[in-house]
Amino acid sequence: AAIADRDVLFLRDQVIPLHESELGDLLEAISGSQRQALVALL
């Protein structure tokens, strides 16, 4: 939902503290379009 709404503040609050392995699991769990958008927004 945050990716769809381009909510950068929420994404930074939730994603930046993740360990690299946790972020890797997140990237594998979301769709390809969401991955590209997440990388761009961060």
All heavy atoms as atom14 arrays in JSON, in Angstrom:
{
  "sequence": "AAIADRDVLFLRDQVIPLHESELGDLLEAISGSQRQALVALL",
  "atom14_mask": [
    [1, 1, 1, 1, 1, 0, 0, 0, 0, 0, 0, 0, 0, 0],
    [1, 1, 1, 1, 1, 0, 0, 0, 0, 0, 0, 0, 0, 0],
    [1, 1, 1, 1, 1, 1, 1, 1, 0, 0, 0, 0, 0, 0],
    [1, 1, 1, 1, 1, 0, 0, 0, 0, 0, 0, 0, 0, 0],
    [1, 1, 1, 1, 1, 1, 1, 1, 0, 0, 0, 0, 0, 0],
    [1, 1, 1, 1, 1, 1, 1, 1, 1, 1, 1, 0, 0, 0],
    [1, 1, 1, 1, 1, 1, 1, 1, 0, 0, 0, 0, 0, 0],
    [1, 1, 1, 1, 1, 1, 1, 0, 0, 0, 0, 0, 0, 0],
    [1, 1, 1, 1, 1, 1, 1, 1, 0, 0, 0, 0, 0, 0],
    [1, 1, 1, 1, 1, 1, 1, 1, 1, 1, 1, 0, 0, 0],
    [1, 1, 1, 1, 1, 1, 1, 1, 0, 0, 0, 0, 0, 0],
    [1, 1, 1, 1, 1, 1, 1, 1, 1, 1, 1, 0, 0, 0],
    [1, 1, 1, 1, 1, 1, 1, 1, 0, 0, 0, 0, 0, 0],
    [1, 1, 1, 1, 1, 1, 1, 1, 1, 0, 0, 0, 0, 0],
    [1, 1, 1, 1, 1, 1, 1, 0, 0, 0, 0, 0, 0, 0],
    [1, 1, 1, 1, 1, 1, 1, 1, 0, 0, 0, 0, 0, 0],
    [1, 1, 1, 1, 1, 1, 1, 0, 0, 0, 0, 0, 0, 0],
    [1, 1, 1, 1, 1, 1, 1, 1, 0, 0, 0, 0, 0, 0],
    [1, 1, 1, 1, 1, 1, 1, 1, 1, 1, 0, 0, 0, 0],
    [1, 1, 1, 1, 1, 1, 1, 1, 1, 0, 0, 0, 0, 0],
    [1, 1, 1, 1, 1, 1, 0, 0, 0, 0, 0, 0, 0, 0],
    [1, 1, 1, 1, 1, 1, 1, 1, 1, 0, 0, 0, 0, 0],
    [1, 1, 1, 1, 1, 1, 1, 1, 0, 0, 0, 0, 0, 0],
    [1, 1, 1, 1, 0, 0, 0, 0, 0, 0, 0, 0, 0, 0],
    [1, 1, 1, 1, 1, 1, 1, 1, 0, 0, 0, 0, 0, 0],
    [1, 1, 1, 1, 1, 1, 1, 1, 0, 0, 0, 0, 0, 0],
    [1, 1, 1, 1, 1, 1, 1, 1, 0, 0, 0, 0, 0, 0],
    [1, 1, 1, 1, 1, 1, 1, 1, 1, 0, 0, 0, 0, 0],
    [1, 1, 1, 1, 1, 0, 0, 0, 0, 0, 0, 0, 0, 0],
    [1, 1, 1, 1, 1, 1, 1, 1, 0, 0, 0, 0, 0, 0],
    [1, 1, 1, 1, 1, 1, 0, 0, 0, 0, 0, 0, 0, 0],
    [1, 1, 1, 1, 0, 0, 0, 0, 0, 0, 0, 0, 0, 0],
    [1, 1, 1, 1, 1, 1, 0, 0, 0, 0, 0, 0, 0, 0],
    [1, 1, 1, 1, 1, 1, 1, 1, 1, 0, 0, 0, 0, 0],
    [1, 1, 1, 1, 1, 1, 1, 1, 1, 1, 1, 0, 0, 0],
    [1, 1, 1, 1, 1, 1, 1, 1, 1, 0, 0, 0, 0, 0],
    [1, 1, 1, 1, 1, 0, 0, 0, 0, 0, 0, 0, 0, 0],
    [1, 1, 1, 1, 1, 1, 1, 1, 0, 0, 0, 0, 0, 0],
    [1, 1, 1, 1, 1, 1, 1, 0, 0, 0, 0, 0, 0, 0],
    [1, 1, 1, 1, 1, 0, 0, 0, 0, 0, 0, 0, 0, 0],
    [1, 1, 1, 1, 1, 1, 1, 1, 0, 0, 0, 0, 0, 0],
    [1, 1, 1, 1, 1, 1, 1, 1, 0, 0, 0, 0, 0, 0]
  ],
  "atom14_positions": [
    [[0.83, -1.21, 0.0], [0.0, 0.0, 0.0], [0.87, 1.25, 0.0], [0.57, 2.24, -0.71], [-0.92, -0.01, 1.21], [0.0, 0.0, 0.0], [0.0, 0.0, 0.0], [0.0, 0.0, 0.0], [0.0, 0.0, 0.0], [0.0, 0.0, 0.0], [0.0, 0.0, 0.0], [0.0, 0.0, 0.0], [0.0, 0.0, 0.0], [0.0, 0.0, 0.0]],
    [[1.95, 1.24, 0.78], [2.84, 2.4, 0.83], [3.53, 2.62, -0.51], [3.73, 3.77, -0.93], [3.88, 2.2, 1.93], [0.0, 0.0, 0.0], [0.0, 0.0, 0.0], [0.0, 0.0, 0.0], [0.0, 0.0, 0.0], [0.0, 0.0, 0.0], [0.0, 0.0, 0.0], [0.0, 0.0, 0.0], [0.0, 0.0, 0.0], [0.0, 0.0, 0.0]],
    [[3.89, 1.54, -1.19], [4.5, 1.67, -2.52], [3.49, 2.27, -3.5], [3.81, 3.17, -4.28], [5.01, 0.31, -3.03], [6.19, -0.16, -2.17], [5.42, 0.39, -4.49], [6.67, -1.56, -2.49], [0.0, 0.0, 0.0], [0.0, 0.0, 0.0], [0.0, 0.0, 0.0], [0.0, 0.0, 0.0], [0.0, 0.0, 0.0], [0.0, 0.0, 0.0]],
    [[2.25, 1.78, -3.45], [1.2, 2.3, -4.34], [0.92, 3.78, -4.07], [0.68, 4.55, -5.01], [-0.07, 1.47, -4.18], [0.0, 0.0, 0.0], [0.0, 0.0, 0.0], [0.0, 0.0, 0.0], [0.0, 0.0, 0.0], [0.0, 0.0, 0.0], [0.0, 0.0, 0.0], [0.0, 0.0, 0.0], [0.0, 0.0, 0.0], [0.0, 0.0, 0.0]],
    [[0.96, 4.16, -2.8], [0.69, 5.56, -2.42], [1.94, 6.43, -2.48], [1.86, 7.63, -2.18], [0.11, 5.61, -1.0], [-1.24, 4.93, -0.9], [-1.91, 4.81, -1.95], [-1.61, 4.52, 0.21], [0.0, 0.0, 0.0], [0.0, 0.0, 0.0], [0.0, 0.0, 0.0], [0.0, 0.0, 0.0], [0.0, 0.0, 0.0], [0.0, 0.0, 0.0]],
    [[3.1, 5.8, -2.8], [4.38, 6.51, -2.84], [4.66, 7.2, -1.5], [5.12, 8.34, -1.44], [4.4, 7.53, -3.99], [4.14, 6.9, -5.34], [4.27, 7.91, -6.48], [5.64, 8.42, -6.59], [6.63, 7.77, -7.23], [6.39, 6.6, -7.8], [7.84, 8.3, -7.29], [0.0, 0.0, 0.0], [0.0, 0.0, 0.0], [0.0, 0.0, 0.0]],
    [[4.37, 6.47, -0.43], [4.57, 6.98, 0.92], [6.03, 6.73, 1.33], [6.36, 5.74, 1.99], [3.6, 6.28, 1.89], [3.59, 6.92, 3.27], [4.52, 7.7, 3.56], [2.67, 6.63, 4.05], [0.0, 0.0, 0.0], [0.0, 0.0, 0.0], [0.0, 0.0, 0.0], [0.0, 0.0, 0.0], [0.0, 0.0, 0.0], [0.0, 0.0, 0.0]],
    [[6.91, 7.65, 0.96], [8.34, 7.47, 1.18], [8.68, 7.45, 2.67], [9.53, 6.66, 3.12], [9.12, 8.59, 0.47], [10.63, 8.44, 0.73], [8.87, 8.55, -1.03], [0.0, 0.0, 0.0], [0.0, 0.0, 0.0], [0.0, 0.0, 0.0], [0.0, 0.0, 0.0], [0.0, 0.0, 0.0], [0.0, 0.0, 0.0], [0.0, 0.0, 0.0]],
    [[8.03, 8.29, 3.45], [8.32, 8.35, 4.88], [8.03, 7.01, 5.56], [8.82, 6.52, 6.37], [7.52, 9.47, 5.54], [7.9, 10.9, 5.15], [6.98, 11.91, 5.84], [9.36, 11.19, 5.51], [0.0, 0.0, 0.0], [0.0, 0.0, 0.0], [0.0, 0.0, 0.0], [0.0, 0.0, 0.0], [0.0, 0.0, 0.0], [0.0, 0.0, 0.0]],
    [[6.89, 6.4, 5.23], [6.53, 5.11, 5.83], [7.53, 4.04, 5.39], [7.97, 3.22, 6.2], [5.11, 4.73, 5.4], [4.67, 3.39, 5.94], [4.13, 3.28, 7.22], [4.8, 2.24, 5.18], [3.73, 2.04, 7.71], [4.41, 1.0, 5.67], [3.87, 0.91, 6.94], [0.0, 0.0, 0.0], [0.0, 0.0, 0.0], [0.0, 0.0, 0.0]],
    [[7.89, 4.04, 4.12], [8.82, 3.03, 3.61], [10.19, 3.16, 4.27], [10.82, 2.16, 4.62], [8.95, 3.15, 2.1], [7.7, 2.74, 1.29], [7.9, 3.05, -0.18], [7.4, 1.25, 1.48], [0.0, 0.0, 0.0], [0.0, 0.0, 0.0], [0.0, 0.0, 0.0], [0.0, 0.0, 0.0], [0.0, 0.0, 0.0], [0.0, 0.0, 0.0]],
    [[10.66, 4.38, 4.42], [11.94, 4.57, 5.08], [11.89, 4.12, 6.54], [12.84, 3.51, 7.04], [12.36, 6.05, 5.01], [12.82, 6.48, 3.62], [13.17, 7.94, 3.58], [13.71, 8.32, 2.27], [13.94, 9.56, 1.9], [13.71, 10.56, 2.74], [14.42, 9.81, 0.7], [0.0, 0.0, 0.0], [0.0, 0.0, 0.0], [0.0, 0.0, 0.0]],
    [[10.78, 4.38, 7.2], [10.63, 3.98, 8.59], [10.6, 2.47, 8.74], [11.13, 1.91, 9.7], [9.36, 4.61, 9.17], [9.13, 4.2, 10.62], [9.95, 4.59, 11.48], [8.15, 3.47, 10.89], [0.0, 0.0, 0.0], [0.0, 0.0, 0.0], [0.0, 0.0, 0.0], [0.0, 0.0, 0.0], [0.0, 0.0, 0.0], [0.0, 0.0, 0.0]],
    [[9.99, 1.79, 7.77], [9.79, 0.34, 7.87], [10.92, -0.48, 7.23], [11.23, -1.57, 7.69], [8.46, -0.05, 7.22], [7.23, 0.45, 7.96], [7.08, -0.22, 9.31], [7.26, -1.42, 9.45], [6.75, 0.58, 10.33], [0.0, 0.0, 0.0], [0.0, 0.0, 0.0], [0.0, 0.0, 0.0], [0.0, 0.0, 0.0], [0.0, 0.0, 0.0]],
    [[11.5, 0.03, 6.16], [12.44, -0.77, 5.37], [13.9, -0.5, 5.71], [14.7, -1.43, 5.78], [12.18, -0.53, 3.86], [13.2, -1.29, 3.02], [10.76, -0.95, 3.5], [0.0, 0.0, 0.0], [0.0, 0.0, 0.0], [0.0, 0.0, 0.0], [0.0, 0.0, 0.0], [0.0, 0.0, 0.0], [0.0, 0.0, 0.0], [0.0, 0.0, 0.0]],
    [[14.25, 0.77, 5.92], [15.66, 1.1, 6.16], [16.24, 0.37, 7.38], [17.39, -0.09, 7.34], [15.84, 2.63, 6.3], [15.58, 3.3, 4.95], [17.24, 2.98, 6.8], [15.65, 4.82, 4.99], [0.0, 0.0, 0.0], [0.0, 0.0, 0.0], [0.0, 0.0, 0.0], [0.0, 0.0, 0.0], [0.0, 0.0, 0.0], [0.0, 0.0, 0.0]],
    [[15.5, 0.19, 8.49], [16.08, -0.53, 9.65], [16.28, -2.02, 9.42], [16.93, -2.69, 10.24], [15.04, -0.3, 10.76], [14.22, 0.87, 10.32], [14.18, 0.78, 8.84], [0.0, 0.0, 0.0], [0.0, 0.0, 0.0], [0.0, 0.0, 0.0], [0.0, 0.0, 0.0], [0.0, 0.0, 0.0], [0.0, 0.0, 0.0], [0.0, 0.0, 0.0]],
    [[15.75, -2.58, 8.33], [15.84, -4.03, 8.11], [17.29, -4.46, 7.87], [18.08, -3.74, 7.25], [14.99, -4.44, 6.91], [13.47, -4.25, 7.02], [12.8, -4.71, 5.72], [12.9, -5.01, 8.21], [0.0, 0.0, 0.0], [0.0, 0.0, 0.0], [0.0, 0.0, 0.0], [0.0, 0.0, 0.0], [0.0, 0.0, 0.0], [0.0, 0.0, 0.0]],
    [[17.61, -5.65, 8.37], [18.89, -6.26, 8.05], [18.89, -6.61, 6.56], [17.84, -6.81, 5.95], [19.08, -7.52, 8.9], [20.43, -8.16, 8.73], [20.67, -9.13, 7.79], [21.6, -7.98, 9.4], [21.94, -9.52, 7.88], [22.52, -8.82, 8.85], [0.0, 0.0, 0.0], [0.0, 0.0, 0.0], [0.0, 0.0, 0.0], [0.0, 0.0, 0.0]],
    [[20.07, -6.7, 5.97], [20.16, -6.97, 4.53], [19.47, -8.28, 4.14], [18.85, -8.37, 3.06], [21.62, -7.0, 4.09], [22.46, -8.07, 4.77], [23.95, -7.85, 4.55], [24.45, -6.78, 4.9], [24.59, -8.79, 4.04], [0.0, 0.0, 0.0], [0.0, 0.0, 0.0], [0.0, 0.0, 0.0], [0.0, 0.0, 0.0], [0.0, 0.0, 0.0]],
    [[19.54, -9.29, 5.01], [18.87, -10.55, 4.7], [17.35, -10.4, 4.77], [16.62, -11.01, 3.98], [19.32, -11.64, 5.67], [18.96, -11.33, 7.0], [0.0, 0.0, 0.0], [0.0, 0.0, 0.0], [0.0, 0.0, 0.0], [0.0, 0.0, 0.0], [0.0, 0.0, 0.0], [0.0, 0.0, 0.0], [0.0, 0.0, 0.0], [0.0, 0.0, 0.0]],
    [[16.86, -9.58, 5.71], [15.42, -9.32, 5.8], [14.93, -8.54, 4.59], [13.86, -8.84, 4.04], [15.11, -8.55, 7.09], [15.43, -9.33, 8.36], [15.26, -8.49, 9.62], [15.4, -7.26, 9.55], [15.0, -9.07, 10.69], [0.0, 0.0, 0.0], [0.0, 0.0, 0.0], [0.0, 0.0, 0.0], [0.0, 0.0, 0.0], [0.0, 0.0, 0.0]],
    [[15.72, -7.56, 4.17], [15.35, -6.8, 2.97], [15.36, -7.71, 1.75], [14.51, -7.58, 0.86], [16.32, -5.63, 2.78], [16.08, -4.74, 1.56], [14.64, -4.23, 1.52], [17.07, -3.57, 1.55], [0.0, 0.0, 0.0], [0.0, 0.0, 0.0], [0.0, 0.0, 0.0], [0.0, 0.0, 0.0], [0.0, 0.0, 0.0], [0.0, 0.0, 0.0]],
    [[16.3, -8.65, 1.71], [16.34, -9.61, 0.61], [15.07, -10.46, 0.58], [14.49, -10.7, -0.49], [0.0, 0.0, 0.0], [0.0, 0.0, 0.0], [0.0, 0.0, 0.0], [0.0, 0.0, 0.0], [0.0, 0.0, 0.0], [0.0, 0.0, 0.0], [0.0, 0.0, 0.0], [0.0, 0.0, 0.0], [0.0, 0.0, 0.0], [0.0, 0.0, 0.0]],
    [[14.62, -10.93, 1.74], [13.37, -11.71, 1.8], [12.18, -10.87, 1.35], [11.28, -11.37, 0.67], [13.13, -12.21, 3.23], [14.09, -13.31, 3.62], [14.7, -13.92, 2.71], [14.25, -13.57, 4.82], [0.0, 0.0, 0.0], [0.0, 0.0, 0.0], [0.0, 0.0, 0.0], [0.0, 0.0, 0.0], [0.0, 0.0, 0.0], [0.0, 0.0, 0.0]],
    [[12.18, -9.6, 1.74], [11.09, -8.7, 1.33], [11.08, -8.53, -0.19], [10.01, -8.58, -0.83], [11.23, -7.35, 2.02], [10.24, -6.25, 1.61], [8.8, -6.68, 1.9], [10.56, -4.93, 2.29], [0.0, 0.0, 0.0], [0.0, 0.0, 0.0], [0.0, 0.0, 0.0], [0.0, 0.0, 0.0], [0.0, 0.0, 0.0], [0.0, 0.0, 0.0]],
    [[12.25, -8.33, -0.78], [12.34, -8.16, -2.22], [11.84, -9.4, -2.96], [11.22, -9.3, -4.03], [13.77, -7.86, -2.63], [14.33, -6.5, -2.19], [15.82, -6.41, -2.5], [13.57, -5.36, -2.88], [0.0, 0.0, 0.0], [0.0, 0.0, 0.0], [0.0, 0.0, 0.0], [0.0, 0.0, 0.0], [0.0, 0.0, 0.0], [0.0, 0.0, 0.0]],
    [[12.1, -10.57, -2.41], [11.65, -11.8, -3.06], [10.15, -12.02, -2.87], [9.52, -12.72, -3.67], [12.42, -13.0, -2.51], [13.88, -13.02, -2.92], [14.61, -14.26, -2.44], [14.2, -14.85, -1.43], [15.61, -14.63, -3.09], [0.0, 0.0, 0.0], [0.0, 0.0, 0.0], [0.0, 0.0, 0.0], [0.0, 0.0, 0.0], [0.0, 0.0, 0.0]],
    [[9.57, -11.43, -1.83], [8.16, -11.66, -1.52], [7.22, -10.76, -2.31], [6.05, -11.1, -2.5], [7.92, -11.48, -0.02], [0.0, 0.0, 0.0], [0.0, 0.0, 0.0], [0.0, 0.0, 0.0], [0.0, 0.0, 0.0], [0.0, 0.0, 0.0], [0.0, 0.0, 0.0], [0.0, 0.0, 0.0], [0.0, 0.0, 0.0], [0.0, 0.0, 0.0]],
    [[7.7, -9.59, -2.76], [6.83, -8.65, -3.47], [6.98, -8.86, -4.98], [7.89, -9.55, -5.44], [7.13, -7.19, -3.09], [8.59, -6.83, -3.41], [6.85, -6.96, -1.6], [8.98, -5.41, -3.03], [0.0, 0.0, 0.0], [0.0, 0.0, 0.0], [0.0, 0.0, 0.0], [0.0, 0.0, 0.0], [0.0, 0.0, 0.0], [0.0, 0.0, 0.0]],
    [[6.08, -8.25, -5.74], [6.09, -8.43, -7.19], [7.21, -7.63, -7.84], [7.82, -6.75, -7.21], [4.75, -7.99, -7.77], [4.56, -6.59, -7.61], [0.0, 0.0, 0.0], [0.0, 0.0, 0.0], [0.0, 0.0, 0.0], [0.0, 0.0, 0.0], [0.0, 0.0, 0.0], [0.0, 0.0, 0.0], [0.0, 0.0, 0.0], [0.0, 0.0, 0.0]],
    [[7.48, -7.94, -9.11], [8.55, -7.26, -9.81], [8.35, -5.76, -9.92], [9.29, -4.98, -9.71], [0.0, 0.0, 0.0], [0.0, 0.0, 0.0], [0.0, 0.0, 0.0], [0.0, 0.0, 0.0], [0.0, 0.0, 0.0], [0.0, 0.0, 0.0], [0.0, 0.0, 0.0], [0.0, 0.0, 0.0], [0.0, 0.0, 0.0], [0.0, 0.0, 0.0]],
    [[7.14, -5.35, -10.21], [6.86, -3.91, -10.32], [7.01, -3.21, -8.97], [7.5, -2.07, -8.9], [5.45, -3.69, -10.86], [4.48, -4.29, -10.01], [0.0, 0.0, 0.0], [0.0, 0.0, 0.0], [0.0, 0.0, 0.0], [0.0, 0.0, 0.0], [0.0, 0.0, 0.0], [0.0, 0.0, 0.0], [0.0, 0.0, 0.0], [0.0, 0.0, 0.0]],
    [[6.63, -3.9, -7.9], [6.79, -3.32, -6.56], [8.26, -3.21, -6.19], [8.67, -2.24, -5.54], [6.04, -4.18, -5.52], [4.53, -4.08, -5.59], [3.86, -4.99, -4.59], [4.3, -6.11, -4.34], [2.77, -4.52, -4.0], [0.0, 0.0, 0.0], [0.0, 0.0, 0.0], [0.0, 0.0, 0.0], [0.0, 0.0, 0.0], [0.0, 0.0, 0.0]],
    [[9.07, -4.2, -6.62], [10.51, -4.14, -6.34], [11.13, -2.9, -6.98], [11.89, -2.17, -6.34], [11.2, -5.4, -6.86], [11.06, -6.61, -5.96], [12.04, -7.7, -6.37], [11.64, -8.35, -7.6], [10.88, -9.43, -7.68], [10.41, -9.98, -6.57], [10.58, -9.98, -8.84], [0.0, 0.0, 0.0], [0.0, 0.0, 0.0], [0.0, 0.0, 0.0]],
    [[10.83, -2.7, -8.25], [11.4, -1.55, -8.95], [10.97, -0.25, -8.29], [11.77, 0.68, -8.12], [10.96, -1.58, -10.43], [11.39, -2.81, -11.19], [12.9, -2.93, -11.32], [13.62, -1.95, -11.1], [13.38, -4.11, -11.67], [0.0, 0.0, 0.0], [0.0, 0.0, 0.0], [0.0, 0.0, 0.0], [0.0, 0.0, 0.0], [0.0, 0.0, 0.0]],
    [[9.68, -0.17, -7.91], [9.18, 1.06, -7.29], [9.8, 1.28, -5.92], [10.14, 2.42, -5.56], [7.65, 0.97, -7.17], [0.0, 0.0, 0.0], [0.0, 0.0, 0.0], [0.0, 0.0, 0.0], [0.0, 0.0, 0.0], [0.0, 0.0, 0.0], [0.0, 0.0, 0.0], [0.0, 0.0, 0.0], [0.0, 0.0, 0.0], [0.0, 0.0, 0.0]],
    [[10.0, 0.2, -5.15], [10.59, 0.32, -3.82], [12.02, 0.84, -3.91], [12.42, 1.75, -3.17], [10.57, -1.03, -3.11], [11.22, -1.08, -1.72], [10.5, -0.14, -0.76], [11.22, -2.51, -1.17], [0.0, 0.0, 0.0], [0.0, 0.0, 0.0], [0.0, 0.0, 0.0], [0.0, 0.0, 0.0], [0.0, 0.0, 0.0], [0.0, 0.0, 0.0]],
    [[12.8, 0.3, -4.83], [14.18, 0.75, -5.01], [14.22, 2.22, -5.41], [15.03, 3.01, -4.91], [14.91, -0.12, -6.05], [16.3, 0.44, -6.34], [15.01, -1.56, -5.57], [0.0, 0.0, 0.0], [0.0, 0.0, 0.0], [0.0, 0.0, 0.0], [0.0, 0.0, 0.0], [0.0, 0.0, 0.0], [0.0, 0.0, 0.0], [0.0, 0.0, 0.0]],
    [[13.33, 2.6, -6.31], [13.29, 3.99, -6.78], [12.88, 4.94, -5.66], [13.46, 6.03, -5.5], [12.34, 4.11, -7.96], [0.0, 0.0, 0.0], [0.0, 0.0, 0.0], [0.0, 0.0, 0.0], [0.0, 0.0, 0.0], [0.0, 0.0, 0.0], [0.0, 0.0, 0.0], [0.0, 0.0, 0.0], [0.0, 0.0, 0.0], [0.0, 0.0, 0.0]],
    [[11.89, 4.55, -4.86], [11.41, 5.42, -3.79], [12.44, 5.59, -2.68], [12.57, 6.67, -2.09], [10.1, 4.86, -3.21], [8.87, 4.96, -4.14], [7.7, 4.16, -3.57], [8.46, 6.42, -4.35], [0.0, 0.0, 0.0], [0.0, 0.0, 0.0], [0.0, 0.0, 0.0], [0.0, 0.0, 0.0], [0.0, 0.0, 0.0], [0.0, 0.0, 0.0]],
    [[13.17, 4.51, -2.37], [14.19, 4.62, -1.32], [15.42, 5.39, -1.79], [16.11, 6.01, -0.99], [14.6, 3.22, -0.84], [13.55, 2.43, -0.06], [14.08, 1.05, 0.29], [13.14, 3.18, 1.21], [0.0, 0.0, 0.0], [0.0, 0.0, 0.0], [0.0, 0.0, 0.0], [0.0, 0.0, 0.0], [0.0, 0.0, 0.0], [0.0, 0.0, 0.0]]
  ]
}
